[in-house]
Amino acid sequence: MHDHFLKKRLKQMKRNQQTVSFEQAQSVGLLFDATELENRNFVKAYAEQLKKKGKKVKLLAFLNEANQQSNFTFKHFSRKEISWLLRPKGDEVEQFIKTPFDYLINLYQVGKKPLEY
């Protein structure tokens, strides 16, 4: 069901696709699993490198446990914000989805349906 509704939503979205080299890219979205501290530190360091190169960087993270959500400097969602179709919900998620990035990078090793959405 998850894949079916994801494909349906993708068909409804209209995107202005252009080819942009990574050097010319101005905006980058980073999706990642922030459950482990090591992953958070890696992504935050990478985001800082991109910012130093003049890129606007926006992060969205998934946290396995809702109680881990205190004092993070990046937008995030947890299992509490996932529907039965494994679709993330909430204002932060919708804003991220609607943001037109030059590059969207998935920085997670194991596929997670909520992040794939």
PDB file of N, CA and C in Angstrom:
ATOM      1  N   MET A   1       0.825  -1.195   0.000  1.00  0.00           N
ATOM      2  CA  MET A   1       0.000   0.000   0.000  1.00  0.00           C
ATOM      3  C   MET A   1       0.873   1.264   0.000  1.00  0.00           C
ATOM      4  N   HIS A   2       1.943   1.205   0.753  1.00  0.00           N
ATOM      5  CA  HIS A   2       2.845   2.358   0.834  1.00  0.00           C
ATOM      6  C   HIS A   2       3.336   2.754  -0.558  1.00  0.00           C
ATOM      7  N   ASP A   3       3.850   1.788  -1.294  1.00  0.00           N
ATOM      8  CA  ASP A   3       4.386   2.066  -2.629  1.00  0.00           C
ATOM      9  C   ASP A   3       3.320   2.581  -3.579  1.00  0.00           C
ATOM     10  N   HIS A   4       2.119   2.034  -3.496  1.00  0.00           N
ATOM     11  CA  HIS A   4       1.018   2.462  -4.355  1.00  0.00           C
ATOM     12  C   HIS A   4       0.701   3.943  -4.131  1.00  0.00           C
ATOM     13  N   PHE A   5       0.543   4.343  -2.869  1.00  0.00           N
ATOM     14  CA  PHE A   5       0.191   5.728  -2.585  1.00  0.00           C
ATOM     15  C   PHE A   5       1.356   6.684  -2.836  1.00  0.00           C
ATOM     16  N   LEU A   6       2.575   6.187  -2.687  1.00  0.00           N
ATOM     17  CA  LEU A   6       3.733   7.008  -3.011  1.00  0.00           C
ATOM     18  C   LEU A   6       3.760   7.314  -4.508  1.00  0.00           C
ATOM     19  N   LYS A   7       3.558   6.309  -5.333  1.00  0.00           N
ATOM     20  CA  LYS A   7       3.529   6.513  -6.781  1.00  0.00           C
ATOM     21  C   LYS A   7       2.403   7.459  -7.180  1.00  0.00           C
ATOM     22  N   LYS A   8       1.264   7.314  -6.537  1.00  0.00           N
ATOM     23  CA  LYS A   8       0.125   8.186  -6.826  1.00  0.00           C
ATOM     24  C   LYS A   8       0.456   9.639  -6.499  1.00  0.00           C
ATOM     25  N   ARG A   9       1.092   9.858  -5.356  1.00  0.00           N
ATOM     26  CA  ARG A   9       1.441  11.228  -4.971  1.00  0.00           C
ATOM     27  C   ARG A   9       2.493  11.802  -5.909  1.00  0.00           C
ATOM     28  N   LEU A  10       3.453  10.991  -6.304  1.00  0.00           N
ATOM     29  CA  LEU A  10       4.490  11.471  -7.214  1.00  0.00           C
ATOM     30  C   LEU A  10       3.901  11.909  -8.553  1.00  0.00           C
ATOM     31  N   LYS A  11       2.882  11.213  -9.027  1.00  0.00           N
ATOM     32  CA  LYS A  11       2.231  11.600 -10.283  1.00  0.00           C
ATOM     33  C   LYS A  11       1.539  12.947 -10.157  1.00  0.00           C
ATOM     34  N   GLN A  12       1.051  13.272  -8.971  1.00  0.00           N
ATOM     35  CA  GLN A  12       0.333  14.523  -8.749  1.00  0.00           C
ATOM     36  C   GLN A  12       1.281  15.714  -8.629  1.00  0.00           C
ATOM     37  N   MET A  13       2.518  15.453  -8.259  1.00  0.00           N
ATOM     38  CA  MET A  13       3.479  16.541  -8.065  1.00  0.00           C
ATOM     39  C   MET A  13       4.048  16.983  -9.401  1.00  0.00           C
ATOM     40  N   LYS A  14       4.156  18.278  -9.556  1.00  0.00           N
ATOM     41  CA  LYS A  14       4.747  18.837 -10.765  1.00  0.00           C
ATOM     42  C   LYS A  14       6.080  19.468 -10.385  1.00  0.00           C
ATOM     43  N   ARG A  15       7.103  19.060 -11.091  1.00  0.00           N
ATOM     44  CA  ARG A  15       8.438  19.546 -10.809  1.00  0.00           C
ATOM     45  C   ARG A  15       9.038  20.144 -12.066  1.00  0.00           C
ATOM     46  N   ASN A  16       9.780  21.198 -11.868  1.00  0.00           N
ATOM     47  CA  ASN A  16      10.522  21.814 -12.953  1.00  0.00           C
ATOM     48  C   ASN A  16      11.918  21.209 -12.927  1.00  0.00           C
ATOM     49  N   GLN A  17      12.138  20.177 -13.728  1.00  0.00           N
ATOM     50  CA  GLN A  17      13.408  19.465 -13.706  1.00  0.00           C
ATOM     51  C   GLN A  17      14.408  20.129 -14.629  1.00  0.00           C
ATOM     52  N   GLN A  18      15.585  20.365 -14.089  1.00  0.00           N
ATOM     53  CA  GLN A  18      16.686  20.938 -14.852  1.00  0.00           C
ATOM     54  C   GLN A  18      17.956  20.211 -14.465  1.00  0.00           C
ATOM     55  N   THR A  19      18.905  20.196 -15.356  1.00  0.00           N
ATOM     56  CA  THR A  19      20.202  19.610 -15.046  1.00  0.00           C
ATOM     57  C   THR A  19      21.086  20.692 -14.449  1.00  0.00           C
ATOM     58  N   VAL A  20      21.585  20.412 -13.255  1.00  0.00           N
ATOM     59  CA  VAL A  20      22.458  21.347 -12.558  1.00  0.00           C
ATOM     60  C   VAL A  20      23.643  20.548 -12.032  1.00  0.00           C
ATOM     61  N   SER A  21      24.850  21.017 -12.290  1.00  0.00           N
ATOM     62  CA  SER A  21      26.015  20.328 -11.725  1.00  0.00           C
ATOM     63  C   SER A  21      26.023  20.561 -10.219  1.00  0.00           C
ATOM     64  N   PHE A  22      26.664  19.673  -9.502  1.00  0.00           N
ATOM     65  CA  PHE A  22      26.688  19.819  -8.046  1.00  0.00           C
ATOM     66  C   PHE A  22      27.413  21.095  -7.634  1.00  0.00           C
ATOM     67  N   GLU A  23      28.425  21.480  -8.387  1.00  0.00           N
ATOM     68  CA  GLU A  23      29.147  22.721  -8.080  1.00  0.00           C
ATOM     69  C   GLU A  23      28.240  23.944  -8.227  1.00  0.00           C
ATOM     70  N   GLN A  24      27.339  23.917  -9.201  1.00  0.00           N
ATOM     71  CA  GLN A  24      26.432  25.042  -9.431  1.00  0.00           C
ATOM     72  C   GLN A  24      25.195  25.003  -8.547  1.00  0.00           C
ATOM     73  N   ALA A  25      24.931  23.882  -7.921  1.00  0.00           N
ATOM     74  CA  ALA A  25      23.732  23.746  -7.085  1.00  0.00           C
ATOM     75  C   ALA A  25      23.751  24.767  -5.960  1.00  0.00           C
ATOM     76  N   GLN A  26      22.592  25.352  -5.723  1.00  0.00           N
ATOM     77  CA  GLN A  26      22.472  26.338  -4.654  1.00  0.00           C
ATOM     78  C   GLN A  26      21.793  25.773  -3.420  1.00  0.00           C
ATOM     79  N   SER A  27      20.923  24.763  -3.607  1.00  0.00           N
ATOM     80  CA  SER A  27      20.187  24.214  -2.464  1.00  0.00           C
ATOM     81  C   SER A  27      20.294  22.689  -2.447  1.00  0.00           C
ATOM     82  N   VAL A  28      20.477  22.162  -1.236  1.00  0.00           N
ATOM     83  CA  VAL A  28      20.632  20.725  -1.055  1.00  0.00           C
ATOM     84  C   VAL A  28      19.762  20.285   0.117  1.00  0.00           C
ATOM     85  N   GLY A  29      18.986  19.239  -0.097  1.00  0.00           N
ATOM     86  CA  GLY A  29      18.208  18.633   0.974  1.00  0.00           C
ATOM     87  C   GLY A  29      18.878  17.337   1.397  1.00  0.00           C
ATOM     88  N   LEU A  30      18.989  17.121   2.698  1.00  0.00           N
ATOM     89  CA  LEU A  30      19.602  15.909   3.225  1.00  0.00           C
ATOM     90  C   LEU A  30      18.588  15.151   4.066  1.00  0.00           C
ATOM     91  N   LEU A  31      18.318  13.917   3.681  1.00  0.00           N
ATOM     92  CA  LEU A  31      17.438  13.018   4.438  1.00  0.00           C
ATOM     93  C   LEU A  31      18.312  11.990   5.138  1.00  0.00           C
ATOM     94  N   PHE A  32      18.037  11.739   6.426  1.00  0.00           N
ATOM     95  CA  PHE A  32      18.870  10.767   7.123  1.00  0.00           C
ATOM     96  C   PHE A  32      18.170  10.189   8.342  1.00  0.00           C
ATOM     97  N   ASP A  33      18.705   9.063   8.800  1.00  0.00           N
ATOM     98  CA  ASP A  33      18.232   8.407  10.012  1.00  0.00           C
ATOM     99  C   ASP A  33      19.095   8.927  11.157  1.00  0.00           C
ATOM    100  N   ALA A  34      18.489   9.664  12.073  1.00  0.00           N
ATOM    101  CA  ALA A  34      19.229  10.284  13.175  1.00  0.00           C
ATOM    102  C   ALA A  34      19.141   9.490  14.465  1.00  0.00           C
ATOM    103  N   THR A  35      18.713   8.254  14.378  1.00  0.00           N
ATOM    104  CA  THR A  35      18.560   7.442  15.575  1.00  0.00           C
ATOM    105  C   THR A  35      19.904   7.239  16.270  1.00  0.00           C
ATOM    106  N   GLU A  36      20.959   7.023  15.497  1.00  0.00           N
ATOM    107  CA  GLU A  36      22.291   6.795  16.060  1.00  0.00           C
ATOM    108  C   GLU A  36      23.103   8.093  16.052  1.00  0.00           C
ATOM    109  N   LEU A  37      23.810   8.340  17.139  1.00  0.00           N
ATOM    110  CA  LEU A  37      24.630   9.541  17.281  1.00  0.00           C
ATOM    111  C   LEU A  37      25.674   9.649  16.171  1.00  0.00           C
ATOM    112  N   GLU A  38      26.271   8.539  15.797  1.00  0.00           N
ATOM    113  CA  GLU A  38      27.294   8.541  14.750  1.00  0.00           C
ATOM    114  C   GLU A  38      26.731   9.080  13.435  1.00  0.00           C
ATOM    115  N   ASN A  39      25.519   8.682  13.083  1.00  0.00           N
ATOM    116  CA  ASN A  39      24.881   9.182  11.857  1.00  0.00           C
ATOM    117  C   ASN A  39      24.615  10.675  11.950  1.00  0.00           C
ATOM    118  N   ARG A  40      24.106  11.113  13.098  1.00  0.00           N
ATOM    119  CA  ARG A  40      23.828  12.551  13.275  1.00  0.00           C
ATOM    120  C   ARG A  40      25.101  13.371  13.092  1.00  0.00           C
ATOM    121  N   ASN A  41      26.174  12.934  13.717  1.00  0.00           N
ATOM    122  CA  ASN A  41      27.436  13.678  13.638  1.00  0.00           C
ATOM    123  C   ASN A  41      27.970  13.729  12.214  1.00  0.00           C
ATOM    124  N   PHE A  42      27.885  12.608  11.491  1.00  0.00           N
ATOM    125  CA  PHE A  42      28.352  12.568  10.111  1.00  0.00           C
ATOM    126  C   PHE A  42      27.565  13.552   9.242  1.00  0.00           C
ATOM    127  N   VAL A  43      26.243  13.511   9.344  1.00  0.00           N
ATOM    128  CA  VAL A  43      25.397  14.362   8.497  1.00  0.00           C
ATOM    129  C   VAL A  43      25.585  15.834   8.855  1.00  0.00           C
ATOM    130  N   LYS A  44      25.672  16.138  10.130  1.00  0.00           N
ATOM    131  CA  LYS A  44      25.884  17.538  10.533  1.00  0.00           C
ATOM    132  C   LYS A  44      27.218  18.060   9.995  1.00  0.00           C
ATOM    133  N   ALA A  45      28.262  17.234  10.031  1.00  0.00           N
ATOM    134  CA  ALA A  45      29.564  17.651   9.502  1.00  0.00           C
ATOM    135  C   ALA A  45      29.487  17.853   7.986  1.00  0.00           C
ATOM    136  N   TYR A  46      28.794  16.954   7.296  1.00  0.00           N
ATOM    137  CA  TYR A  46      28.643  17.085   5.843  1.00  0.00           C
ATOM    138  C   TYR A  46      27.845  18.351   5.498  1.00  0.00           C
ATOM    139  N   ALA A  47      26.798  18.607   6.253  1.00  0.00           N
ATOM    140  CA  ALA A  47      25.989  19.809   6.024  1.00  0.00           C
ATOM    141  C   ALA A  47      26.840  21.069   6.211  1.00  0.00           C
ATOM    142  N   GLU A  48      27.705  21.071   7.187  1.00  0.00           N
ATOM    143  CA  GLU A  48      28.583  22.225   7.415  1.00  0.00           C
ATOM    144  C   GLU A  48      29.544  22.411   6.238  1.00  0.00           C
ATOM    145  N   GLN A  49      30.068  21.320   5.695  1.00  0.00           N
ATOM    146  CA  GLN A  49      30.945  21.407   4.523  1.00  0.00           C
ATOM    147  C   GLN A  49      30.209  22.042   3.342  1.00  0.00           C
ATOM    148  N   LEU A  50      28.962  21.610   3.140  1.00  0.00           N
ATOM    149  CA  LEU A  50      28.167  22.169   2.040  1.00  0.00           C
ATOM    150  C   LEU A  50      27.885  23.649   2.254  1.00  0.00           C
ATOM    151  N   LYS A  51      27.582  24.028   3.474  1.00  0.00           N
ATOM    152  CA  LYS A  51      27.318  25.443   3.779  1.00  0.00           C
ATOM    153  C   LYS A  51      28.553  26.303   3.531  1.00  0.00           C
ATOM    154  N   LYS A  52      29.711  25.775   3.864  1.00  0.00           N
ATOM    155  CA  LYS A  52      30.958  26.513   3.631  1.00  0.00           C
ATOM    156  C   LYS A  52      31.201  26.736   2.149  1.00  0.00           C
ATOM    157  N   LYS A  53      30.618  25.876   1.308  1.00  0.00           N
ATOM    158  CA  LYS A  53      30.732  26.028  -0.149  1.00  0.00           C
ATOM    159  C   LYS A  53      29.636  26.932  -0.698  1.00  0.00           C
ATOM    160  N   GLY A  54      28.844  27.541   0.196  1.00  0.00           N
ATOM    161  CA  GLY A  54      27.823  28.487  -0.228  1.00  0.00           C
ATOM    162  C   GLY A  54      26.476  27.890  -0.568  1.00  0.00           C
ATOM    163  N   LYS A  55      26.253  26.654  -0.200  1.00  0.00           N
ATOM    164  CA  LYS A  55      24.981  26.003  -0.507  1.00  0.00           C
ATOM    165  C   LYS A  55      24.004  26.174   0.655  1.00  0.00           C
ATOM    166  N   LYS A  56      22.743  26.347   0.296  1.00  0.00           N
ATOM    167  CA  LYS A  56      21.673  26.392   1.290  1.00  0.00           C
ATOM    168  C   LYS A  56      21.299  24.936   1.581  1.00  0.00           C
ATOM    169  N   VAL A  57      21.411  24.523   2.830  1.00  0.00           N
ATOM    170  CA  VAL A  57      21.202  23.129   3.201  1.00  0.00           C
ATOM    171  C   VAL A  57      20.033  23.015   4.164  1.00  0.00           C
ATOM    172  N   LYS A  58      19.152  22.057   3.874  1.00  0.00           N
ATOM    173  CA  LYS A  58      18.017  21.766   4.743  1.00  0.00           C
ATOM    174  C   LYS A  58      18.062  20.286   5.090  1.00  0.00           C
ATOM    175  N   LEU A  59      17.884  19.980   6.373  1.00  0.00           N
ATOM    176  CA  LEU A  59      17.946  18.597   6.829  1.00  0.00           C
ATOM    177  C   LEU A  59      16.580  18.131   7.313  1.00  0.00           C
ATOM    178  N   LEU A  60      16.317  16.844   7.094  1.00  0.00           N
ATOM    179  CA  LEU A  60      15.142  16.194   7.666  1.00  0.00           C
ATOM    180  C   LEU A  60      15.570  14.807   8.117  1.00  0.00           C
ATOM    181  N   ALA A  61      15.312  14.527   9.389  1.00  0.00           N
ATOM    182  CA  ALA A  61      15.772  13.274   9.981  1.00  0.00           C
ATOM    183  C   ALA A  61      14.616  12.455  10.523  1.00  0.00           C
ATOM    184  N   PHE A  62      14.835  11.157  10.525  1.00  0.00           N
ATOM    185  CA  PHE A  62      13.917  10.217  11.159  1.00  0.00           C
ATOM    186  C   PHE A  62      14.557   9.744  12.456  1.00  0.00           C
ATOM    187  N   LEU A  63      13.768   9.733  13.523  1.00  0.00           N
ATOM    188  CA  LEU A  63      14.214   9.203  14.813  1.00  0.00           C
ATOM    189  C   LEU A  63      13.331   8.024  15.166  1.00  0.00           C
ATOM    190  N   ASN A  64      13.929   6.927  15.518  1.00  0.00           N
ATOM    191  CA  ASN A  64      13.174   5.722  15.830  1.00  0.00           C
ATOM    192  C   ASN A  64      12.319   5.895  17.091  1.00  0.00           C
ATOM    193  N   GLU A  65      12.798   6.654  18.037  1.00  0.00           N
ATOM    194  CA  GLU A  65      12.087   6.861  19.301  1.00  0.00           C
ATOM    195  C   GLU A  65      11.670   8.318  19.434  1.00  0.00           C
ATOM    196  N   ALA A  66      10.422   8.547  19.795  1.00  0.00           N
ATOM    197  CA  ALA A  66       9.911   9.913  19.940  1.00  0.00           C
ATOM    198  C   ALA A  66      10.604  10.660  21.067  1.00  0.00           C
ATOM    199  N   ASN A  67      11.002   9.965  22.119  1.00  0.00           N
ATOM    200  CA  ASN A  67      11.611  10.655  23.256  1.00  0.00           C
ATOM    201  C   ASN A  67      13.027  11.133  22.970  1.00  0.00           C
ATOM    202  N   GLN A  68      13.588  10.815  21.826  1.00  0.00           N
ATOM    203  CA  GLN A  68      14.913  11.299  21.445  1.00  0.00           C
ATOM    204  C   GLN A  68      14.852  12.702  20.847  1.00  0.00           C
ATOM    205  N   GLN A  69      13.693  13.264  20.716  1.00  0.00           N
ATOM    206  CA  GLN A  69      13.522  14.478  19.925  1.00  0.00           C
ATOM    207  C   GLN A  69      13.855  15.782  20.645  1.00  0.00           C
ATOM    208  N   SER A  70      14.531  15.747  21.731  1.00  0.00           N
ATOM    209  CA  SER A  70      14.816  17.005  22.416  1.00  0.00           C
ATOM    210  C   SER A  70      16.072  17.666  21.871  1.00  0.00           C
ATOM    211  N   ASN A  71      16.038  18.953  21.818  1.00  0.00           N
ATOM    212  CA  ASN A  71      17.130  19.881  21.475  1.00  0.00           C
ATOM    213  C   ASN A  71      17.975  19.530  20.244  1.00  0.00           C
ATOM    214  N   PHE A  72      17.394  19.087  19.178  1.00  0.00           N
ATOM    215  CA  PHE A  72      18.126  18.891  17.933  1.00  0.00           C
ATOM    216  C   PHE A  72      18.082  20.179  17.130  1.00  0.00           C
ATOM    217  N   THR A  73      19.124  20.410  16.347  1.00  0.00           N
ATOM    218  CA  THR A  73      19.204  21.628  15.538  1.00  0.00           C
ATOM    219  C   THR A  73      18.692  21.414  14.122  1.00  0.00           C
ATOM    220  N   PHE A  74      18.069  20.275  13.867  1.00  0.00           N
ATOM    221  CA  PHE A  74      17.550  19.974  12.537  1.00  0.00           C
ATOM    222  C   PHE A  74      16.105  19.509  12.656  1.00  0.00           C
ATOM    223  N   LYS A  75      15.371  19.637  11.563  1.00  0.00           N
ATOM    224  CA  LYS A  75      13.982  19.181  11.510  1.00  0.00           C
ATOM    225  C   LYS A  75      13.964  17.665  11.555  1.00  0.00           C
ATOM    226  N   HIS A  76      12.961  17.105  12.230  1.00  0.00           N
ATOM    227  CA  HIS A  76      12.910  15.660  12.381  1.00  0.00           C
ATOM    228  C   HIS A  76      11.481  15.196  12.649  1.00  0.00           C
ATOM    229  N   PHE A  77      11.294  13.897  12.483  1.00  0.00           N
ATOM    230  CA  PHE A  77      10.031  13.257  12.813  1.00  0.00           C
ATOM    231  C   PHE A  77      10.334  11.882  13.382  1.00  0.00           C
ATOM    232  N   SER A  78       9.352  11.322  14.075  1.00  0.00           N
ATOM    233  CA  SER A  78       9.552  10.011  14.700  1.00  0.00           C
ATOM    234  C   SER A  78       8.411   9.078  14.305  1.00  0.00           C
ATOM    235  N   ARG A  79       8.413   7.899  14.877  1.00  0.00           N
ATOM    236  CA  ARG A  79       7.350   6.925  14.607  1.00  0.00           C
ATOM    237  C   ARG A  79       5.971   7.480  14.948  1.00  0.00           C
ATOM    238  N   LYS A  80       5.905   8.410  15.899  1.00  0.00           N
ATOM    239  CA  LYS A  80       4.621   9.010  16.266  1.00  0.00           C
ATOM    240  C   LYS A  80       4.007   9.781  15.105  1.00  0.00           C
ATOM    241  N   GLU A  81       4.852  10.277  14.195  1.00  0.00           N
ATOM    242  CA  GLU A  81       4.378  11.063  13.053  1.00  0.00           C
ATOM    243  C   GLU A  81       4.344  10.264  11.758  1.00  0.00           C
ATOM    244  N   ILE A  82       4.101   8.975  11.852  1.00  0.00           N
ATOM    245  CA  ILE A  82       4.016   8.125  10.670  1.00  0.00           C
ATOM    246  C   ILE A  82       2.641   7.467  10.641  1.00  0.00           C
ATOM    247  N   SER A  83       1.992   7.545   9.493  1.00  0.00           N
ATOM    248  CA  SER A  83       0.671   6.930   9.348  1.00  0.00           C
ATOM    249  C   SER A  83       0.809   5.418   9.202  1.00  0.00           C
ATOM    250  N   TRP A  84      -0.311   4.732   9.181  1.00  0.00           N
ATOM    251  CA  TRP A  84      -0.295   3.267   9.029  1.00  0.00           C
ATOM    252  C   TRP A  84       0.236   2.850   7.662  1.00  0.00           C
ATOM    253  N   LEU A  85       0.258   3.789   6.705  1.00  0.00           N
ATOM    254  CA  LEU A  85       0.829   3.520   5.380  1.00  0.00           C
ATOM    255  C   LEU A  85       2.338   3.814   5.325  1.00  0.00           C
ATOM    256  N   LEU A  86       2.925   4.070   6.497  1.00  0.00           N
ATOM    257  CA  LEU A  86       4.337   4.409   6.629  1.00  0.00           C
ATOM    258  C   LEU A  86       4.661   5.746   5.971  1.00  0.00           C
ATOM    259  N   ARG A  87       3.680   6.611   5.911  1.00  0.00           N
ATOM    260  CA  ARG A  87       3.844   7.949   5.340  1.00  0.00           C
ATOM    261  C   ARG A  87       4.095   8.934   6.471  1.00  0.00           C
ATOM    262  N   PRO A  88       5.209   9.667   6.419  1.00  0.00           N
ATOM    263  CA  PRO A  88       5.446  10.675   7.454  1.00  0.00           C
ATOM    264  C   PRO A  88       4.454  11.818   7.312  1.00  0.00           C
ATOM    265  N   LYS A  89       4.072  12.386   8.431  1.00  0.00           N
ATOM    266  CA  LYS A  89       3.118  13.497   8.394  1.00  0.00           C
ATOM    267  C   LYS A  89       3.585  14.587   9.344  1.00  0.00           C
ATOM    268  N   GLY A  90       3.021  15.742   9.184  1.00  0.00           N
ATOM    269  CA  GLY A  90       3.376  16.882  10.020  1.00  0.00           C
ATOM    270  C   GLY A  90       3.842  18.046   9.174  1.00  0.00           C
ATOM    271  N   ASP A  91       3.813  19.231   9.766  1.00  0.00           N
ATOM    272  CA  ASP A  91       4.178  20.450   9.047  1.00  0.00           C
ATOM    273  C   ASP A  91       5.624  20.428   8.559  1.00  0.00           C
ATOM    274  N   GLU A  92       6.538  19.978   9.408  1.00  0.00           N
ATOM    275  CA  GLU A  92       7.947  19.973   9.020  1.00  0.00           C
ATOM    276  C   GLU A  92       8.195  19.058   7.821  1.00  0.00           C
ATOM    277  N   VAL A  93       7.539  17.908   7.822  1.00  0.00           N
ATOM    278  CA  VAL A  93       7.692  16.959   6.719  1.00  0.00           C
ATOM    279  C   VAL A  93       7.112  17.559   5.440  1.00  0.00           C
ATOM    280  N   GLU A  94       5.920  18.122   5.509  1.00  0.00           N
ATOM    281  CA  GLU A  94       5.280  18.703   4.316  1.00  0.00           C
ATOM    282  C   GLU A  94       6.097  19.855   3.752  1.00  0.00           C
ATOM    283  N   GLN A  95       6.652  20.704   4.621  1.00  0.00           N
ATOM    284  CA  GLN A  95       7.485  21.808   4.144  1.00  0.00           C
ATOM    285  C   GLN A  95       8.714  21.283   3.419  1.00  0.00           C
ATOM    286  N   PHE A  96       9.317  20.237   3.961  1.00  0.00           N
ATOM    287  CA  PHE A  96      10.502  19.652   3.329  1.00  0.00           C
ATOM    288  C   PHE A  96      10.140  19.067   1.963  1.00  0.00           C
ATOM    289  N   ILE A  97       9.036  18.347   1.894  1.00  0.00           N
ATOM    290  CA  ILE A  97       8.607  17.729   0.634  1.00  0.00           C
ATOM    291  C   ILE A  97       8.354  18.793  -0.433  1.00  0.00           C
ATOM    292  N   LYS A  98       7.799  19.912  -0.048  1.00  0.00           N
ATOM    293  CA  LYS A  98       7.447  20.964  -1.009  1.00  0.00           C
ATOM    294  C   LYS A  98       8.631  21.846  -1.408  1.00  0.00           C
ATOM    295  N   THR A  99       9.747  21.719  -0.726  1.00  0.00           N
ATOM    296  CA  THR A  99      10.907  22.554  -1.024  1.00  0.00           C
ATOM    297  C   THR A  99      11.579  22.073  -2.310  1.00  0.00           C
ATOM    298  N   PRO A 100      11.775  22.968  -3.274  1.00  0.00           N
ATOM    299  CA  PRO A 100      12.435  22.580  -4.522  1.00  0.00           C
ATOM    300  C   PRO A 100      13.967  22.626  -4.374  1.00  0.00           C
ATOM    301  N   PHE A 101      14.574  21.496  -4.137  1.00  0.00           N
ATOM    302  CA  PHE A 101      16.028  21.413  -3.995  1.00  0.00           C
ATOM    303  C   PHE A 101      16.681  21.191  -5.349  1.00  0.00           C
ATOM    304  N   ASP A 102      17.899  21.704  -5.489  1.00  0.00           N
ATOM    305  CA  ASP A 102      18.689  21.355  -6.670  1.00  0.00           C
ATOM    306  C   ASP A 102      19.131  19.900  -6.560  1.00  0.00           C
ATOM    307  N   TYR A 103      19.481  19.487  -5.345  1.00  0.00           N
ATOM    308  CA  TYR A 103      19.862  18.098  -5.067  1.00  0.00           C
ATOM    309  C   TYR A 103      19.186  17.639  -3.784  1.00  0.00           C
ATOM    310  N   LEU A 104      18.675  16.425  -3.816  1.00  0.00           N
ATOM    311  CA  LEU A 104      18.124  15.773  -2.634  1.00  0.00           C
ATOM    312  C   LEU A 104      18.956  14.517  -2.416  1.00  0.00           C
ATOM    313  N   ILE A 105      19.597  14.436  -1.262  1.00  0.00           N
ATOM    314  CA  ILE A 105      20.517  13.330  -0.983  1.00  0.00           C
ATOM    315  C   ILE A 105      19.977  12.502   0.176  1.00  0.00           C
ATOM    316  N   ASN A 106      19.851  11.207  -0.060  1.00  0.00           N
ATOM    317  CA  ASN A 106      19.438  10.264   0.981  1.00  0.00           C
ATOM    318  C   ASN A 106      20.690   9.721   1.636  1.00  0.00           C
ATOM    319  N   LEU A 107      20.893  10.057   2.911  1.00  0.00           N
ATOM    320  CA  LEU A 107      22.097   9.630   3.632  1.00  0.00           C
ATOM    321  C   LEU A 107      21.737   8.597   4.685  1.00  0.00           C
ATOM    322  N   TYR A 108      21.292   7.453   4.228  1.00  0.00           N
ATOM    323  CA  TYR A 108      21.032   6.347   5.144  1.00  0.00           C
ATOM    324  C   TYR A 108      21.422   5.065   4.444  1.00  0.00           C
ATOM    325  N   GLN A 109      21.933   4.114   5.236  1.00  0.00           N
ATOM    326  CA  GLN A 109      22.456   2.878   4.658  1.00  0.00           C
ATOM    327  C   GLN A 109      21.378   1.834   4.449  1.00  0.00           C
ATOM    328  N   VAL A 110      20.433   1.763   5.345  1.00  0.00           N
ATOM    329  CA  VAL A 110      19.361   0.781   5.263  1.00  0.00           C
ATOM    330  C   VAL A 110      18.081   1.522   4.906  1.00  0.00           C
ATOM    331  N   GLY A 111      17.360   1.031   3.893  1.00  0.00           N
ATOM    332  CA  GLY A 111      16.137   1.681   3.460  1.00  0.00           C
ATOM    333  C   GLY A 111      15.115   1.794   4.579  1.00  0.00           C
ATOM    334  N   LYS A 112      14.499   2.938   4.678  1.00  0.00           N
ATOM    335  CA  LYS A 112      13.445   3.181   5.652  1.00  0.00           C
ATOM    336  C   LYS A 112      12.263   3.778   4.887  1.00  0.00           C
ATOM    337  N   LYS A 113      11.159   3.078   4.875  1.00  0.00           N
ATOM    338  CA  LYS A 113       9.992   3.519   4.107  1.00  0.00           C
ATOM    339  C   LYS A 113       9.590   4.954   4.404  1.00  0.00           C
ATOM    340  N   PRO A 114       9.560   5.401   5.673  1.00  0.00           N
ATOM    341  CA  PRO A 114       9.181   6.795   5.911  1.00  0.00           C
ATOM    342  C   PRO A 114      10.133   7.800   5.262  1.00  0.00           C
ATOM    343  N   LEU A 115      11.417   7.495   5.214  1.00  0.00           N
ATOM    344  CA  LEU A 115      12.373   8.402   4.566  1.00  0.00           C
ATOM    345  C   LEU A 115      12.256   8.309   3.048  1.00  0.00           C
ATOM    346  N   GLU A 116      11.964   7.135   2.525  1.00  0.00           N
ATOM    347  CA  GLU A 116      11.793   6.988   1.086  1.00  0.00           C
ATOM    348  C   GLU A 116      10.596   7.786   0.593  1.00  0.00           C
ATOM    349  N   TYR A 117       9.580   7.928   1.427  1.00  0.00           N
ATOM    350  CA  TYR A 117       8.402   8.677   1.022  1.00  0.00           C
ATOM    351  C   TYR A 117       8.773  10.128   0.764  1.00  0.00           C
TER     352      TYR A 117
END
